C-alpha atoms as a PDB file:
ATOM      1  CA  MET A   1      82.963 121.540  75.533  1.00  0.00           C
ATOM      2  CA  SER A   2      82.287 117.827  75.025  1.00  0.00           C
ATOM      3  CA  LEU A   3      82.697 115.023  77.580  1.00  0.00           C
ATOM      4  CA  VAL A   4      82.826 111.385  76.584  1.00  0.00           C
ATOM      5  CA  SER A   5      82.322 108.842  79.365  1.00  0.00           C
ATOM      6  CA  VAL A   6      83.187 105.160  78.908  1.00  0.00           C
ATOM      7  CA  GLY A   7      81.965 102.555  81.329  1.00  0.00           C
ATOM      8  CA  THR A   8      79.330 100.012  82.342  1.00  0.00           C
ATOM      9  CA  VAL A   9      75.562 100.430  82.027  1.00  0.00           C
ATOM     10  CA  ALA A  10      74.098  97.647  84.140  1.00  0.00           C
ATOM     11  CA  PHE A  11      71.486  96.192  86.399  1.00  0.00           C
ATOM     12  CA  ASP A  12      72.295  95.982  90.129  1.00  0.00           C
ATOM     13  CA  ALA A  13      70.780  94.146  93.089  1.00  0.00           C
ATOM     14  CA  ILE A  14      71.706  95.833  96.303  1.00  0.00           C
ATOM     15  CA  GLU A  15      71.229  95.144  99.975  1.00  0.00           C
ATOM     16  CA  THR A  16      72.276  97.480 102.742  1.00  0.00           C
ATOM     17  CA  PRO A  17      71.342  97.555 106.481  1.00  0.00           C
ATOM     18  CA  PHE A  18      68.721 100.107 105.497  1.00  0.00           C
ATOM     19  CA  GLY A  19      66.913  98.274 102.665  1.00  0.00           C
ATOM     20  CA  LYS A  20      67.113  96.051  99.632  1.00  0.00           C
ATOM     21  CA  VAL A  21      66.359  96.276  95.926  1.00  0.00           C
ATOM     22  CA  ASP A  22      66.356  93.160  93.709  1.00  0.00           C
ATOM     23  CA  LYS A  23      66.861  94.933  90.396  1.00  0.00           C
ATOM     24  CA  ILE A  24      67.764  98.549  89.651  1.00  0.00           C
ATOM     25  CA  VAL A  25      69.631 100.313  86.887  1.00  0.00           C
ATOM     26  CA  GLY A  26      73.267 101.199  87.524  1.00  0.00           C
ATOM     27  CA  GLY A  27      76.752 101.140  86.067  1.00  0.00           C
ATOM     28  CA  ALA A  28      79.672 103.587  86.047  1.00  0.00           C
ATOM     29  CA  ALA A  29      78.800 105.302  82.743  1.00  0.00           C
ATOM     30  CA  LEU A  30      75.194 105.858  83.888  1.00  0.00           C
ATOM     31  CA  TYR A  31      76.214 107.542  87.157  1.00  0.00           C
ATOM     32  CA  ILE A  32      78.998 109.545  85.522  1.00  0.00           C
ATOM     33  CA  SER A  33      76.793 110.915  82.757  1.00  0.00           C
ATOM     34  CA  LEU A  34      73.774 111.694  84.977  1.00  0.00           C
ATOM     35  CA  ALA A  35      75.994 113.720  87.270  1.00  0.00           C
ATOM     36  CA  ALA A  36      77.988 115.429  84.531  1.00  0.00           C
ATOM     37  CA  ALA A  37      74.847 116.465  82.595  1.00  0.00           C
ATOM     38  CA  TYR A  38      73.958 118.946  85.390  1.00  0.00           C
ATOM     39  CA  PHE A  39      77.065 120.930  84.421  1.00  0.00           C
ATOM     40  CA  GLU A  40      77.888 120.124  80.756  1.00  0.00           C
ATOM     41  CA  ASP A  41      75.323 120.039  77.938  1.00  0.00           C
ATOM     42  CA  ASN A  42      77.429 117.901  75.597  1.00  0.00           C
ATOM     43  CA  CYS A  43      77.738 114.506  77.354  1.00  0.00           C
ATOM     44  CA  GLN A  44      78.337 111.351  75.343  1.00  0.00           C
ATOM     45  CA  MET A  45      78.268 107.735  76.623  1.00  0.00           C
ATOM     46  CA  VAL A  46      80.109 104.635  75.486  1.00  0.00           C
ATOM     47  CA  SER A  47      78.925 101.333  76.766  1.00  0.00           C
ATOM     48  CA  VAL A  48      77.222  98.058  75.944  1.00  0.00           C
ATOM     49  CA  ILE A  49      73.792  96.672  76.970  1.00  0.00           C
ATOM     50  CA  GLY A  50      71.552  93.753  76.086  1.00  0.00           C
ATOM     51  CA  GLU A  51      68.146  94.160  74.610  1.00  0.00           C
ATOM     52  CA  ASP A  52      66.780  93.532  78.114  1.00  0.00           C
ATOM     53  CA  TYR A  53      67.868  96.959  79.277  1.00  0.00           C
ATOM     54  CA  ASP A  54      65.333  99.356  80.799  1.00  0.00           C
ATOM     55  CA  GLN A  55      63.868 101.574  78.035  1.00  0.00           C
ATOM     56  CA  ASP A  56      62.578 104.133  80.542  1.00  0.00           C
ATOM     57  CA  THR A  57      66.180 104.832  81.637  1.00  0.00           C
ATOM     58  CA  LEU A  58      67.336 105.279  78.064  1.00  0.00           C
ATOM     59  CA  ASP A  59      64.417 107.654  77.531  1.00  0.00           C
ATOM     60  CA  LEU A  60      65.440 109.542  80.656  1.00  0.00           C
ATOM     61  CA  LEU A  61      69.001 109.982  79.348  1.00  0.00           C
ATOM     62  CA  ALA A  62      67.598 111.334  76.104  1.00  0.00           C
ATOM     63  CA  GLN A  63      65.422 113.785  78.006  1.00  0.00           C
ATOM     64  CA  LYS A  64      68.524 115.059  79.790  1.00  0.00           C
ATOM     65  CA  LYS A  65      70.135 115.479  76.350  1.00  0.00           C
ATOM     66  CA  ILE A  66      72.801 112.834  77.024  1.00  0.00           C
ATOM     67  CA  ASP A  67      74.014 111.322  73.726  1.00  0.00           C
ATOM     68  CA  THR A  68      73.670 107.527  73.916  1.00  0.00           C
ATOM     69  CA  SER A  69      74.622 106.759  70.287  1.00  0.00           C
ATOM     70  CA  GLY A  70      77.860 105.240  71.670  1.00  0.00           C
ATOM     71  CA  ILE A  71      75.934 102.567  73.564  1.00  0.00           C
ATOM     72  CA  GLU A  72      75.968  99.250  71.675  1.00  0.00           C
ATOM     73  CA  VAL A  73      72.831  97.160  72.007  1.00  0.00           C
ATOM     74  CA  VAL A  74      73.518  93.411  71.604  1.00  0.00           C
ATOM     75  CA  GLN A  75      70.392  91.764  70.236  1.00  0.00           C
ATOM     76  CA  GLY A  76      69.407  88.717  72.232  1.00  0.00           C
ATOM     77  CA  GLY A  77      72.051  89.581  74.863  1.00  0.00           C
ATOM     78  CA  LYS A  78      71.709  90.279  78.590  1.00  0.00           C
ATOM     79  CA  SER A  79      73.059  93.389  80.238  1.00  0.00           C
ATOM     80  CA  PHE A  80      75.862  93.308  82.869  1.00  0.00           C
ATOM     81  CA  PHE A  81      74.453  92.355  86.300  1.00  0.00           C
ATOM     82  CA  TRP A  82      76.038  92.902  89.725  1.00  0.00           C
ATOM     83  CA  SER A  83      74.674  91.998  93.156  1.00  0.00           C
ATOM     84  CA  GLY A  84      76.219  93.069  96.462  1.00  0.00           C
ATOM     85  CA  LYS A  85      75.515  93.253 100.172  1.00  0.00           C
ATOM     86  CA  TYR A  86      76.914  96.118 102.301  1.00  0.00           C
ATOM     87  CA  HIS A  87      78.021  95.820 105.919  1.00  0.00           C
ATOM     88  CA  TYR A  88      76.718  98.137 108.616  1.00  0.00           C
ATOM     89  CA  ASP A  89      79.524 100.729 108.111  1.00  0.00           C
ATOM     90  CA  LEU A  90      78.678 100.887 104.361  1.00  0.00           C
ATOM     91  CA  ASN A  91      82.444 101.073 103.646  1.00  0.00           C
ATOM     92  CA  THR A  92      82.796  97.279 103.048  1.00  0.00           C
ATOM     93  CA  ARG A  93      80.625  95.009 100.912  1.00  0.00           C
ATOM     94  CA  ASP A  94      80.432  91.498  99.703  1.00  0.00           C
ATOM     95  CA  THR A  95      79.947  90.818  95.977  1.00  0.00           C
ATOM     96  CA  LEU A  96      77.283  88.102  95.653  1.00  0.00           C
ATOM     97  CA  VAL A  97      76.918  87.826  91.859  1.00  0.00           C
ATOM     98  CA  THR A  98      78.833  89.237  88.859  1.00  0.00           C
ATOM     99  CA  ASP A  99      77.344  88.245  85.509  1.00  0.00           C
ATOM    100  CA  LEU A 100      79.378  89.969  82.757  1.00  0.00           C
ATOM    101  CA  ASN A 101      76.953  88.921  80.027  1.00  0.00           C
ATOM    102  CA  VAL A 102      77.438  91.301  77.023  1.00  0.00           C
ATOM    103  CA  LEU A 103      80.256  93.080  78.871  1.00  0.00           C
ATOM    104  CA  ALA A 104      82.472  89.947  78.491  1.00  0.00           C
ATOM    105  CA  ASP A 105      83.004  90.671  74.805  1.00  0.00           C
ATOM    106  CA  PHE A 106      82.826  94.455  74.940  1.00  0.00           C
ATOM    107  CA  ASP A 107      85.030  95.999  72.229  1.00  0.00           C
ATOM    108  CA  PRO A 108      84.022  99.677  72.160  1.00  0.00           C
ATOM    109  CA  LYS A 109      83.827 101.397  68.773  1.00  0.00           C
ATOM    110  CA  LEU A 110      83.683 105.135  69.099  1.00  0.00           C
ATOM    111  CA  PRO A 111      81.225 106.919  66.790  1.00  0.00           C
ATOM    112  CA  GLU A 112      82.995 109.460  64.553  1.00  0.00           C
ATOM    113  CA  SER A 113      81.535 112.386  66.610  1.00  0.00           C
ATOM    114  CA  TYR A 114      83.151 110.919  69.732  1.00  0.00           C
ATOM    115  CA  THR A 115      86.731 110.758  68.499  1.00  0.00           C
ATOM    116  CA  SER A 116      87.810 114.323  69.336  1.00  0.00           C
ATOM    117  CA  PRO A 117      86.326 115.035  72.781  1.00  0.00           C
ATOM    118  CA  ASP A 118      87.479 117.923  74.923  1.00  0.00           C
ATOM    119  CA  PHE A 119      87.330 115.779  78.057  1.00  0.00           C
ATOM    120  CA  LEU A 120      87.362 111.987  78.436  1.00  0.00           C
ATOM    121  CA  MET A 121      86.377 109.910  81.427  1.00  0.00           C
ATOM    122  CA  LEU A 122      87.453 106.281  81.333  1.00  0.00           C
ATOM    123  CA  GLY A 123      85.332 104.433  83.925  1.00  0.00           C
ATOM    124  CA  ASN A 124      86.363 101.291  85.708  1.00  0.00           C
ATOM    125  CA  LEU A 125      86.849  98.701  82.941  1.00  0.00           C
ATOM    126  CA  SER A 126      89.726  96.486  81.886  1.00  0.00           C
ATOM    127  CA  PRO A 127      92.889  98.393  80.969  1.00  0.00           C
ATOM    128  CA  SER A 128      92.779  96.779  77.484  1.00  0.00           C
ATOM    129  CA  VAL A 129      89.371  98.357  76.854  1.00  0.00           C
ATOM    130  CA  GLN A 130      90.590 101.719  78.162  1.00  0.00           C
ATOM    131  CA  LEU A 131      93.616 101.538  75.864  1.00  0.00           C
ATOM    132  CA  SER A 132      91.422 100.663  72.927  1.00  0.00           C
ATOM    133  CA  VAL A 133      89.428 103.832  73.451  1.00  0.00           C
ATOM    134  CA  LEU A 134      92.565 105.926  73.694  1.00  0.00           C
ATOM    135  CA  ASN A 135      93.820 104.454  70.426  1.00  0.00           C
ATOM    136  CA  GLN A 136      90.618 105.525  68.609  1.00  0.00           C
ATOM    137  CA  LEU A 137      91.001 109.244  69.494  1.00  0.00           C
ATOM    138  CA  LYS A 138      91.933 111.539  66.631  1.00  0.00           C
ATOM    139  CA  ASP A 139      92.932 114.410  68.921  1.00  0.00           C
ATOM    140  CA  ARG A 140      94.129 114.416  72.472  1.00  0.00           C
ATOM    141  CA  PRO A 141      91.524 115.753  74.886  1.00  0.00           C
ATOM    142  CA  ARG A 142      92.306 118.644  77.285  1.00  0.00           C
ATOM    143  CA  LEU A 143      92.067 116.152  80.081  1.00  0.00           C
ATOM    144  CA  ILE A 144      91.855 112.358  80.268  1.00  0.00           C
ATOM    145  CA  ALA A 145      90.676 110.889  83.555  1.00  0.00           C
ATOM    146  CA  LEU A 146      90.690 107.221  84.502  1.00  0.00           C
ATOM    147  CA  ASP A 147      89.152 105.180  87.296  1.00  0.00           C
ATOM    148  CA  THR A 148      90.302 101.658  88.143  1.00  0.00           C
ATOM    149  CA  MET A 149      90.265  99.152  90.970  1.00  0.00           C
ATOM    150  CA  ASN A 150      92.428  96.609  92.775  1.00  0.00           C
ATOM    151  CA  PHE A 151      91.198  93.728  90.590  1.00  0.00           C
ATOM    152  CA  TRP A 152      92.992  95.103  87.563  1.00  0.00           C
ATOM    153  CA  MET A 153      96.097  95.672  89.638  1.00  0.00           C
ATOM    154  CA  ASP A 154      96.064  91.899  90.355  1.00  0.00           C
ATOM    155  CA  VAL A 155      95.271  90.546  86.907  1.00  0.00           C
ATOM    156  CA  ALA A 156      96.439  93.147  84.348  1.00  0.00           C
ATOM    157  CA  ARG A 157      99.222  95.134  86.013  1.00  0.00           C
ATOM    158  CA  GLU A 158     101.325  95.747  82.846  1.00  0.00           C
ATOM    159  CA  GLU A 159      98.347  97.024  80.800  1.00  0.00           C
ATOM    160  CA  LEU A 160      97.238  99.148  83.753  1.00  0.00           C
ATOM    161  CA  ASP A 161     100.678 100.687  84.035  1.00  0.00           C
ATOM    162  CA  GLU A 162     100.547 101.432  80.294  1.00  0.00           C
ATOM    163  CA  VAL A 163      97.211 103.184  80.312  1.00  0.00           C
ATOM    164  CA  ILE A 164      97.997 105.114  83.497  1.00  0.00           C
ATOM    165  CA  GLY A 165     101.035 106.442  81.694  1.00  0.00           C
ATOM    166  CA  LYS A 166      98.812 108.053  79.079  1.00  0.00           C
ATOM    167  CA  ILE A 167      96.305 109.928  81.219  1.00  0.00           C
ATOM    168  CA  ASP A 168      96.134 113.244  83.102  1.00  0.00           C
ATOM    169  CA  LEU A 169      94.002 112.347  86.155  1.00  0.00           C
ATOM    170  CA  LEU A 170      93.734 109.118  88.078  1.00  0.00           C
ATOM    171  CA  THR A 171      90.974 108.457  90.624  1.00  0.00           C
ATOM    172  CA  ILE A 172      91.292 105.535  93.028  1.00  0.00           C
ATOM    173  CA  ASN A 173      90.485 104.861  96.670  1.00  0.00           C
ATOM    174  CA  ASP A 174      92.944 104.787  99.504  1.00  0.00           C
ATOM    175  CA  GLU A 175      93.206 101.025  99.693  1.00  0.00           C
ATOM    176  CA  GLU A 176      93.890 100.845  95.955  1.00  0.00           C
ATOM    177  CA  ALA A 177      96.530 103.592  96.181  1.00  0.00           C
ATOM    178  CA  ARG A 178      98.378 101.637  98.885  1.00  0.00           C
ATOM    179  CA  GLN A 179      98.188  98.375  96.998  1.00  0.00           C
ATOM    180  CA  TYR A 180      99.325  99.935  93.698  1.00  0.00           C
ATOM    181  CA  THR A 181     102.377 101.597  95.154  1.00  0.00           C
ATOM    182  CA  GLU A 182     103.131  99.339  98.143  1.00  0.00           C
ATOM    183  CA  GLU A 183     103.249 102.475 100.277  1.00  0.00           C
ATOM    184  CA  HIS A 184     101.189 102.818 103.494  1.00  0.00           C
ATOM    185  CA  SER A 185     101.497 106.658 103.500  1.00  0.00           C
ATOM    186  CA  LEU A 186      99.077 108.161 101.032  1.00  0.00           C
ATOM    187  CA  VAL A 187     101.408 111.086 100.520  1.00  0.00           C
ATOM    188  CA  LYS A 188     104.229 108.751  99.489  1.00  0.00           C
ATOM    189  CA  ALA A 189     101.811 106.736  97.368  1.00  0.00           C
ATOM    190  CA  ALA A 190     100.684 109.868  95.597  1.00  0.00           C
ATOM    191  CA  LYS A 191     104.249 110.965  94.835  1.00  0.00           C
ATOM    192  CA  LYS A 192     104.896 107.582  93.247  1.00  0.00           C
ATOM    193  CA  ILE A 193     101.821 107.627  91.126  1.00  0.00           C
ATOM    194  CA  LEU A 194     102.492 111.172  89.882  1.00  0.00           C
ATOM    195  CA  THR A 195     105.849 109.974  88.537  1.00  0.00           C
ATOM    196  CA  LEU A 196     104.055 107.426  86.326  1.00  0.00           C
ATOM    197  CA  GLY A 197     102.292 109.891  84.042  1.00  0.00           C
ATOM    198  CA  PRO A 198      99.222 111.498  85.628  1.00  0.00           C
ATOM    199  CA  LYS A 199      99.401 115.215  86.437  1.00  0.00           C
ATOM    200  CA  TYR A 200      96.652 114.918  88.976  1.00  0.00           C
ATOM    201  CA  LEU A 201      95.594 112.232  91.435  1.00  0.00           C
ATOM    202  CA  VAL A 202      92.384 111.990  93.462  1.00  0.00           C
ATOM    203  CA  ILE A 203      92.352 109.480  96.306  1.00  0.00           C
ATOM    204  CA  LYS A 204      88.847 108.794  97.491  1.00  0.00           C
ATOM    205  CA  LYS A 205      88.328 108.026 101.100  1.00  0.00           C
ATOM    206  CA  GLY A 206      84.629 107.316 101.202  1.00  0.00           C
ATOM    207  CA  GLU A 207      82.851 108.946 104.165  1.00  0.00           C
ATOM    208  CA  HIS A 208      86.205 110.690 104.968  1.00  0.00           C
ATOM    209  CA  GLY A 209      86.312 112.753 101.761  1.00  0.00           C
ATOM    210  CA  ALA A 210      88.892 112.937  99.015  1.00  0.00           C
ATOM    211  CA  LEU A 211      92.490 114.093  98.505  1.00  0.00           C
ATOM    212  CA  LEU A 212      93.661 115.931  95.360  1.00  0.00           C
ATOM    213  CA  PHE A 213      97.365 115.828  94.544  1.00  0.00           C
ATOM    214  CA  HIS A 214      99.279 117.805  91.940  1.00  0.00           C
ATOM    215  CA  GLU A 215     103.070 118.247  92.055  1.00  0.00           C
ATOM    216  CA  ASP A 216     103.744 119.400  95.614  1.00  0.00           C
ATOM    217  CA  ASN A 217     100.179 120.677  96.113  1.00  0.00           C
ATOM    218  CA  LEU A 218      97.574 118.929  98.172  1.00  0.00           C
ATOM    219  CA  PHE A 219      93.847 119.739  98.629  1.00  0.00           C
ATOM    220  CA  TYR A 220      91.465 117.957 100.974  1.00  0.00           C
ATOM    221  CA  ALA A 221      87.685 117.873 100.344  1.00  0.00           C
ATOM    222  CA  PRO A 222      85.565 116.562 103.246  1.00  0.00           C
ATOM    223  CA  ALA A 223      82.566 114.327 102.825  1.00  0.00           C
ATOM    224  CA  LEU A 224      79.346 115.988 103.867  1.00  0.00           C
ATOM    225  CA  PRO A 225      77.863 114.476 107.058  1.00  0.00           C
ATOM    226  CA  LEU A 226      74.382 113.261 106.094  1.00  0.00           C
ATOM    227  CA  GLU A 227      71.407 112.161 108.204  1.00  0.00           C
ATOM    228  CA  ASN A 228      70.415 109.470 105.713  1.00  0.00           C
ATOM    229  CA  VAL A 229      72.886 107.347 103.792  1.00  0.00           C
ATOM    230  CA  VAL A 230      71.077 104.506 102.043  1.00  0.00           C
ATOM    231  CA  ASP A 231      73.262 103.156  99.188  1.00  0.00           C
ATOM    232  CA  PRO A 232      76.895 104.083  98.425  1.00  0.00           C
ATOM    233  CA  THR A 233      77.064 101.948  95.224  1.00  0.00           C
ATOM    234  CA  GLY A 234      77.352 104.784  92.675  1.00  0.00           C
ATOM    235  CA  ALA A 235      79.035 107.387  94.862  1.00  0.00           C
ATOM    236  CA  GLY A 236      82.486 107.168  93.357  1.00  0.00           C
ATOM    237  CA  ASP A 237      81.210 107.268  89.781  1.00  0.00           C
ATOM    238  CA  THR A 238      78.893 110.161  90.628  1.00  0.00           C
ATOM    239  CA  PHE A 239      81.833 112.001  92.169  1.00  0.00           C
ATOM    240  CA  ALA A 240      83.839 111.512  88.909  1.00  0.00           C
ATOM    241  CA  GLY A 241      80.811 112.675  86.861  1.00  0.00           C
ATOM    242  CA  GLY A 242      80.308 115.837  88.850  1.00  0.00           C
ATOM    243  CA  MET A 243      84.031 116.582  88.751  1.00  0.00           C
ATOM    244  CA  MET A 244      84.402 116.000  85.009  1.00  0.00           C
ATOM    245  CA  GLY A 245      81.139 117.799  84.163  1.00  0.00           C
ATOM    246  CA  TYR A 246      82.329 120.843  86.043  1.00  0.00           C
ATOM    247  CA  LEU A 247      85.698 120.766  84.256  1.00  0.00           C
ATOM    248  CA  ALA A 248      84.097 120.400  80.891  1.00  0.00           C
ATOM    249  CA  LYS A 249      81.776 123.330  81.598  1.00  0.00           C
ATOM    250  CA  SER A 250      84.622 125.569  82.719  1.00  0.00           C
ATOM    251  CA  GLY A 251      87.211 124.375  80.194  1.00  0.00           C
ATOM    252  CA  ASN A 252      89.869 125.058  82.870  1.00  0.00           C
ATOM    253  CA  VAL A 253      92.269 122.296  83.970  1.00  0.00           C
ATOM    254  CA  SER A 254      94.348 124.266  86.494  1.00  0.00           C
ATOM    255  CA  PHE A 255      94.891 123.031  90.015  1.00  0.00           C
ATOM    256  CA  GLU A 256      92.535 125.736  91.324  1.00  0.00           C
ATOM    257  CA  SER A 257      89.844 124.553  88.905  1.00  0.00           C
ATOM    258  CA  LEU A 258      90.419 120.933  89.951  1.00  0.00           C
ATOM    259  CA  LYS A 259      89.891 121.938  93.612  1.00  0.00           C
ATOM    260  CA  ARG A 260      86.473 123.374  92.748  1.00  0.00           C
ATOM    261  CA  ALA A 261      85.743 120.310  90.614  1.00  0.00           C
ATOM    262  CA  VAL A 262      86.429 117.989  93.488  1.00  0.00           C
ATOM    263  CA  ILE A 263      83.948 119.882  95.631  1.00  0.00           C
ATOM    264  CA  MET A 264      81.367 119.676  92.851  1.00  0.00           C
ATOM    265  CA  GLY A 265      81.984 115.948  92.602  1.00  0.00           C
ATOM    266  CA  SER A 266      81.662 115.551  96.349  1.00  0.00           C
ATOM    267  CA  ALA A 267      78.398 117.457  96.336  1.00  0.00           C
ATOM    268  CA  MET A 268      76.956 115.277  93.604  1.00  0.00           C
ATOM    269  CA  ALA A 269      78.077 112.077  95.388  1.00  0.00           C
ATOM    270  CA  SER A 270      76.347 113.277  98.586  1.00  0.00           C
ATOM    271  CA  PHE A 271      73.042 113.207  96.641  1.00  0.00           C
ATOM    272  CA  ALA A 272      73.649 109.799  95.119  1.00  0.00           C
ATOM    273  CA  VAL A 273      73.972 107.988  98.469  1.00  0.00           C
ATOM    274  CA  GLU A 274      70.599 109.238  99.756  1.00  0.00           C
ATOM    275  CA  ASP A 275      68.578 106.584  97.829  1.00  0.00           C
ATOM    276  CA  PHE A 276      69.044 103.253  96.062  1.00  0.00           C
ATOM    277  CA  GLY A 277      70.649 103.449  92.616  1.00  0.00           C
ATOM    278  CA  PRO A 278      70.707 106.675  90.692  1.00  0.00           C
ATOM    279  CA  LYS A 279      67.202 107.823  91.739  1.00  0.00           C
ATOM    280  CA  ARG A 280      68.441 111.049  93.467  1.00  0.00           C
ATOM    281  CA  LEU A 281      70.235 112.112  90.329  1.00  0.00           C
ATOM    282  CA  TYR A 282      66.975 112.168  88.320  1.00  0.00           C
ATOM    283  CA  ASP A 283      65.410 115.373  89.604  1.00  0.00           C
ATOM    284  CA  LEU A 284      68.126 117.720  90.853  1.00  0.00           C
ATOM    285  CA  ASN A 285      68.382 121.335  89.750  1.00  0.00           C
ATOM    286  CA  GLU A 286      70.868 124.180  89.969  1.00  0.00           C
ATOM    287  CA  ALA A 287      69.381 125.567  93.144  1.00  0.00           C
ATOM    288  CA  LYS A 288      69.601 122.264  94.986  1.00  0.00           C
ATOM    289  CA  ILE A 289      73.202 121.685  93.817  1.00  0.00           C
ATOM    290  CA  ASN A 290      74.239 125.224  94.816  1.00  0.00           C
ATOM    291  CA  GLU A 291      72.694 124.761  98.260  1.00  0.00           C
ATOM    292  CA  ARG A 292      74.695 121.539  98.740  1.00  0.00           C
ATOM    293  CA  VAL A 293      77.892 123.203  97.549  1.00  0.00           C
ATOM    294  CA  GLU A 294      77.346 126.009 100.072  1.00  0.00           C
ATOM    295  CA  GLN A 295      77.170 123.320 102.859  1.00  0.00           C
ATOM    296  CA  PHE A 296      80.618 122.181 101.703  1.00  0.00           C
ATOM    297  CA  ARG A 297      81.862 125.721 101.681  1.00  0.00           C
ATOM    298  CA  THR A 298      80.827 126.062 105.307  1.00  0.00           C
ATOM    299  CA  LEU A 299      82.668 122.846 106.180  1.00  0.00           C
ATOM    300  CA  ILE A 300      86.012 124.043 104.793  1.00  0.00           C
ATOM    301  CA  SER A 301      85.872 127.715 105.881  1.00  0.00           C
ATOM    302  CA  PHE A 302      87.307 128.954 109.168  1.00  0.00           C
END
């Protein structure tokens, strides 16, 4: 199976109560692909970077057999840069700097080998970019997943509605679900969203886990209590990558498979938060991942 991931590849500056880094690699597509590659061998990335981007990171992606031929390099350009400071609870943060740089004019062009993927993950980008990617597909994937945020609900609601109507799985957090539907109850919010097109909905609740909705079915995946949580920046994208990587490996898009995929995504996200940036995703292996999944199994068994 093949998995195409579309999203940002960036530089981040991050400050949390437990430390600070002035410049580290990040971006949705990077986290998604690093997590997915532990499950699926055929991962392909679509993004844009400037010629200032870190070559060591690109070499690492190649070592992990992640296809980066869909990453556009803008000569003379600077890569997307984001800086943020987290509050003590790590659930809230202040954005200090957002420099779009080459991302401002990003118009993705899918390589020919990317136009018929089995699975597609549309990371958090403008709905117009997400629609552009969908319009370039020659065949509909088995499953199209999309992540978005409240900013696009404020500034591009019509386009967001359009693209959500074309996908199979939507991932958003609890605050975004309430804003999008104007419903306080997450159950009511989920029912509304599932009438708009998606077959599945994942509502992320940070340190309180995630909810998976499908028709009248509901599954709750807890977050793993960890001794050391350092940086939550890429947790949501890592979750999506683990989930989509597992689905691509299995080729199964049933509700039961989605339940297992959510656990896999949660397990991968639990690694990501243990260090700044994507460092913890560099040197995992099957044994470490299975051990973490077993910890989740213990949490939800009684």
